[in-house]
Protein backbone atom coordinates (compact mmCIF):
# COMPACT_ATOMS: atom_id res chain seq x y z
CA MET A 1 13.17 21.42 42.79
CA THR A 2 10.32 21.24 40.31
CA SER A 3 9.41 18.36 38.05
CA SER A 4 7.88 18.50 34.61
CA SER A 5 5.91 15.88 32.73
CA SER A 6 7.18 17.12 29.36
CA PRO A 7 10.24 15.35 27.94
CA PRO A 8 13.54 17.25 27.91
CA ALA A 9 14.32 19.12 24.72
CA ARG A 10 16.97 17.61 22.52
CA LYS A 11 20.26 19.32 21.94
CA ARG A 12 20.03 21.34 18.76
CA VAL A 13 21.93 20.10 15.73
CA ARG A 14 22.67 21.83 12.46
CA ALA A 15 22.71 19.15 9.74
CA PRO A 16 19.46 19.38 7.70
CA GLU A 17 19.04 15.60 7.47
CA ALA A 18 19.65 15.23 11.20
CA HIS A 19 17.06 17.97 11.81
CA ARG A 20 14.53 16.11 9.70
CA GLU A 21 15.09 12.79 11.46
CA ALA A 22 14.92 14.45 14.88
CA ILE A 23 11.61 16.11 13.94
CA LEU A 24 10.17 12.82 12.66
CA ASP A 25 11.22 10.97 15.82
CA ALA A 26 9.69 13.68 18.00
CA ALA A 27 6.51 13.71 15.89
CA ARG A 28 6.05 9.95 16.19
CA ALA A 29 6.40 10.17 19.97
CA ALA A 30 4.04 13.15 20.26
CA PHE A 31 1.35 11.67 18.00
CA ALA A 32 1.58 8.33 19.80
CA GLU A 33 1.25 9.93 23.25
CA ARG A 34 -1.21 12.73 22.55
CA GLY A 35 -2.98 11.74 19.35
CA TYR A 36 -3.20 13.67 16.10
CA ALA A 37 -5.63 16.33 17.30
CA ARG A 38 -3.83 17.31 20.53
CA ALA A 39 -0.21 17.16 19.40
CA THR A 40 1.12 20.55 18.26
CA ILE A 41 3.94 21.69 16.01
CA ARG A 42 5.41 23.76 18.86
CA GLU A 43 5.50 20.74 21.16
CA ILE A 44 7.13 18.60 18.47
CA ALA A 45 9.71 21.29 17.77
CA GLY A 46 10.58 21.42 21.48
CA ARG A 47 11.01 17.67 21.63
CA ALA A 48 13.27 17.74 18.56
CA GLY A 49 15.33 20.68 19.80
CA VAL A 50 14.50 22.85 16.78
CA THR A 51 12.36 25.90 16.14
CA HIS A 52 8.72 25.95 15.11
CA GLY A 53 9.75 27.63 11.85
CA LEU A 54 12.22 24.89 11.00
CA VAL A 55 9.53 22.22 11.36
CA MET A 56 7.30 24.18 9.00
CA ARG A 57 10.18 24.69 6.59
CA HIS A 58 10.76 20.94 6.37
CA PHE A 59 7.14 19.75 6.27
CA GLY A 60 4.88 22.73 5.58
CA SER A 61 2.03 21.77 7.92
CA LYS A 62 1.05 19.53 10.81
CA GLU A 63 -0.89 17.31 8.40
CA ARG A 64 2.10 16.72 6.13
CA LEU A 65 4.33 16.07 9.13
CA PHE A 66 1.83 13.52 10.41
CA LEU A 67 1.74 11.68 7.08
CA ALA A 68 5.54 11.69 6.87
CA ALA A 69 5.95 10.38 10.42
CA VAL A 70 3.38 7.61 10.75
CA PRO A 71 2.94 4.34 8.79
CA GLY A 72 0.39 4.27 6.01
CA THR A 73 0.42 6.65 3.09
CA ARG A 74 4.17 7.24 3.46
CA ASP A 75 4.64 3.61 2.34
CA LEU A 76 2.82 4.15 -0.97
CA PRO A 77 5.92 5.02 -3.04
CA GLU A 78 7.25 1.52 -2.27
CA LEU A 79 3.86 -0.20 -2.68
CA VAL A 80 2.59 1.31 -5.93
CA PRO A 81 5.37 0.46 -8.44
CA GLY A 82 4.68 -2.76 -10.30
CA PRO A 83 2.25 -4.16 -12.85
CA PRO A 84 -0.92 -1.99 -12.95
CA GLY A 85 -3.05 -5.12 -13.24
CA THR A 86 -2.07 -6.33 -9.77
CA LEU A 87 -2.21 -2.90 -8.10
CA PRO A 88 -5.65 -3.57 -6.50
CA ASP A 89 -4.32 -6.80 -4.97
CA ARG A 90 -1.22 -5.05 -3.59
CA ILE A 91 -3.30 -2.23 -2.12
CA ALA A 92 -5.85 -4.58 -0.57
CA TRP A 93 -3.24 -6.84 1.02
CA ALA A 94 -1.11 -3.96 2.35
CA PHE A 95 -4.15 -2.07 3.70
CA VAL A 96 -5.64 -5.03 5.57
CA GLU A 97 -2.26 -6.21 6.84
CA ARG A 98 -1.49 -2.75 8.22
CA MET A 99 -4.91 -2.01 9.65
CA GLU A 100 -5.12 -5.35 11.46
CA ARG A 101 -2.27 -4.17 13.69
CA ALA A 102 -2.91 -0.43 13.52
CA ASP A 103 -3.20 1.81 16.55
CA SER A 104 -5.08 5.08 16.94
CA GLY A 105 -2.30 6.92 15.13
CA ASP A 106 -3.01 5.36 11.75
CA PRO A 107 -3.92 8.07 9.20
CA PHE A 108 -7.30 6.56 8.34
CA LEU A 109 -8.33 6.22 11.99
CA ALA A 110 -7.00 9.68 12.84
CA LEU A 111 -8.99 11.14 9.94
CA ILE A 112 -12.22 9.42 10.97
CA ARG A 113 -11.89 10.37 14.63
CA SER A 114 -10.94 13.99 13.89
CA ALA A 115 -13.95 14.27 11.56
CA ALA A 116 -16.20 13.69 14.57
CA SER A 117 -14.49 16.30 16.75
CA ASP A 118 -12.85 18.84 14.44
CA GLU A 119 -14.16 19.17 10.91
CA SER A 120 -11.52 21.69 9.81
CA ALA A 121 -8.68 19.45 11.05
CA ALA A 122 -10.22 16.46 9.29
CA THR A 123 -10.53 18.42 6.05
CA ALA A 124 -6.91 19.53 6.21
CA LEU A 125 -5.71 16.01 6.97
CA TYR A 126 -7.82 14.50 4.18
CA THR A 127 -6.51 17.08 1.70
CA ALA A 128 -2.92 16.24 2.63
CA MET A 129 -3.63 12.50 2.39
CA ARG A 130 -5.27 12.92 -1.00
CA GLN A 131 -2.38 14.97 -2.39
CA SER A 132 0.19 12.47 -1.14
CA SER A 133 -1.76 9.47 -2.45
CA THR A 134 -2.43 11.07 -5.81
CA GLN A 135 1.27 11.73 -6.37
CA ALA A 136 2.07 8.07 -5.68
CA TYR A 137 -0.78 6.52 -7.67
CA ARG A 138 -0.23 8.85 -10.62
CA THR A 139 3.02 7.00 -11.33
CA VAL A 140 1.00 3.99 -12.55
CA LEU A 141 -2.51 5.32 -13.18
CA THR A 142 -3.09 7.47 -16.23
CA GLY A 143 -5.99 8.93 -18.16
CA PRO A 144 -8.27 11.94 -17.85
CA ASP A 145 -10.28 10.35 -15.04
CA ALA A 146 -7.29 9.12 -12.98
CA ASP A 147 -7.87 11.63 -10.18
CA GLU A 148 -11.51 10.55 -9.90
CA ARG A 149 -10.51 6.89 -9.65
CA ILE A 150 -7.84 7.65 -7.05
CA ASP A 151 -10.36 9.58 -4.97
CA LEU A 152 -12.85 6.70 -5.20
CA LEU A 153 -10.11 4.38 -3.99
CA GLY A 154 -9.41 6.57 -0.95
CA ALA A 155 -13.10 6.94 -0.12
CA HIS A 156 -13.58 3.17 -0.29
CA LEU A 157 -10.66 2.47 2.04
CA ILE A 158 -11.89 5.07 4.54
CA GLY A 159 -15.32 3.44 4.52
CA VAL A 160 -13.86 0.01 5.20
CA ALA A 161 -11.67 1.43 7.97
CA PHE A 162 -14.71 3.05 9.58
CA SER A 163 -16.83 -0.12 9.47
CA ARG A 164 -14.19 -2.63 10.52
CA TYR A 165 -11.74 -0.73 12.71
CA VAL A 166 -13.82 2.04 14.30
CA LEU A 167 -17.40 0.75 14.60
CA ARG A 168 -16.20 -2.88 14.75
CA SER A 169 -19.70 -4.15 14.03
CA GLY A 170 -21.35 -5.97 11.14
CA PRO A 171 -20.29 -8.49 8.48
CA VAL A 172 -17.30 -6.42 7.27
CA ALA A 173 -15.96 -6.22 10.83
CA GLU A 174 -16.49 -9.94 11.41
CA MET A 175 -14.92 -11.10 8.14
CA GLU A 176 -11.65 -13.05 8.19
CA PRO A 177 -8.75 -10.85 7.00
CA GLU A 178 -7.98 -13.13 4.03
CA ARG A 179 -11.60 -12.95 2.88
CA LEU A 180 -11.63 -9.17 3.27
CA VAL A 181 -8.51 -8.91 1.10
CA ARG A 182 -10.24 -10.85 -1.68
CA TYR A 183 -13.41 -8.72 -1.57
CA LEU A 184 -11.43 -5.50 -1.28
CA ALA A 185 -9.17 -6.33 -4.21
CA ARG A 186 -12.23 -7.02 -6.38
CA SER A 187 -13.98 -3.77 -5.47
CA LEU A 188 -10.78 -1.74 -5.87
CA ARG A 189 -10.24 -3.25 -9.31
CA CYS A 190 -13.64 -1.89 -10.35
CA ALA A 191 -12.91 1.52 -8.82
CA LEU A 192 -9.53 1.83 -10.54
CA GLU A 193 -10.65 0.65 -13.96
CA PRO A 194 -11.20 3.60 -16.31
CA LEU A 195 -14.57 4.02 -17.93
CA GLY A 196 -14.53 2.59 -21.45
CA ALA A 197 -15.89 4.31 -24.54
CA ALA A 198 -19.01 2.11 -24.48
CA GLU A 199 -19.74 3.05 -20.86
CA THR A 200 -19.20 6.73 -21.61
CA GLU A 201 -21.59 6.53 -24.56
CA ALA A 202 -24.12 4.66 -22.42
CA GLU A 203 -23.92 7.38 -19.77
CA ALA A 204 -24.37 10.06 -22.41
CA GLY A 205 -27.35 8.16 -23.81
CA ALA A 206 -28.86 7.80 -20.36
CA GLU A 207 -28.47 11.51 -19.71
CA ALA A 208 -30.02 12.31 -23.10
CA GLY A 209 -32.91 9.96 -22.28
CA ILE A 210 -33.47 11.68 -18.95
CA GLU A 211 -33.49 15.09 -20.65
CA ALA A 212 -35.83 13.81 -23.37
CA GLY A 213 -38.12 12.31 -20.76
CA ALA A 214 -38.17 15.59 -18.88
CA GLY A 215 -39.07 17.38 -22.12
CA ILE A 216 -41.92 14.98 -22.79
CA GLU A 217 -43.20 15.48 -19.24
CA ASP A 218 -43.06 19.25 -19.71
CA GLU A 219 -45.00 18.99 -22.99
CA ALA A 220 -47.55 16.69 -21.40
CA GLU A 221 -48.02 19.10 -18.50
CA ALA A 222 -48.39 21.96 -20.96
CA GLY A 223 -50.98 19.96 -22.91
CA VAL A 224 -52.91 19.14 -19.78
CA GLY A 225 -52.84 22.78 -18.78
CA ALA A 226 -54.02 23.90 -22.20
CA GLY A 227 -56.79 21.32 -22.21
CA ALA A 228 -57.92 22.43 -18.80
CA GLU A 229 -58.04 26.03 -19.95
CA GLU A 230 -60.08 25.04 -23.04
CA GLY A 231 -62.46 23.05 -20.91
CA ASN A 232 -62.98 26.01 -18.59
CA SER A 233 -63.46 28.52 -21.38
CA PRO A 234 -67.04 29.53 -22.24
CA SER A 235 -68.45 27.78 -25.39
């Protein structure tokens, strides 16, 4: 009689919703036991008692399955709705509250750790996270630069997660959670605020000034060069 360390496959069921729930349950177990990088779609399908193709049909990729199965970005549709003015506060509170009790399966931690070991996996996971987050935030954030602001938000949260929950060193890591929420809400408010007309004009003016300065430098260099040539020419 032989023994196997792998869990027994579930009995196959036919209802689509039951399939989906079985896949999600199996994915949570696999990601918790093996981590994001080592868990495979084939293993998850075996645990759920379904085919590899059915998992892909429901979720499209390992990255999307991961985001659907674990806490984090899947909670955004419930978190985002509400007054836009308090969105930074809601994000900051929910992020810190979740990360303070997060394990290695949290999307932000999985992304950071996979970036160190598998760049292609990290890129795929980040792309899936960005698409999922953008869809949720787009319900309250509008304007031509909304995608830029949403991406800045994600980059900021990843940076905080890296400093506080991966490196665990420095003032950000040592800060009390309540204090971190206050700082984070303030910085997210700046990141999510669209650029006003005055700021856009100031940027355009700064760029024009840089170009004008470069033109003056070019003319000065040309003048110096011409003067040098005149000085070297025979009189």
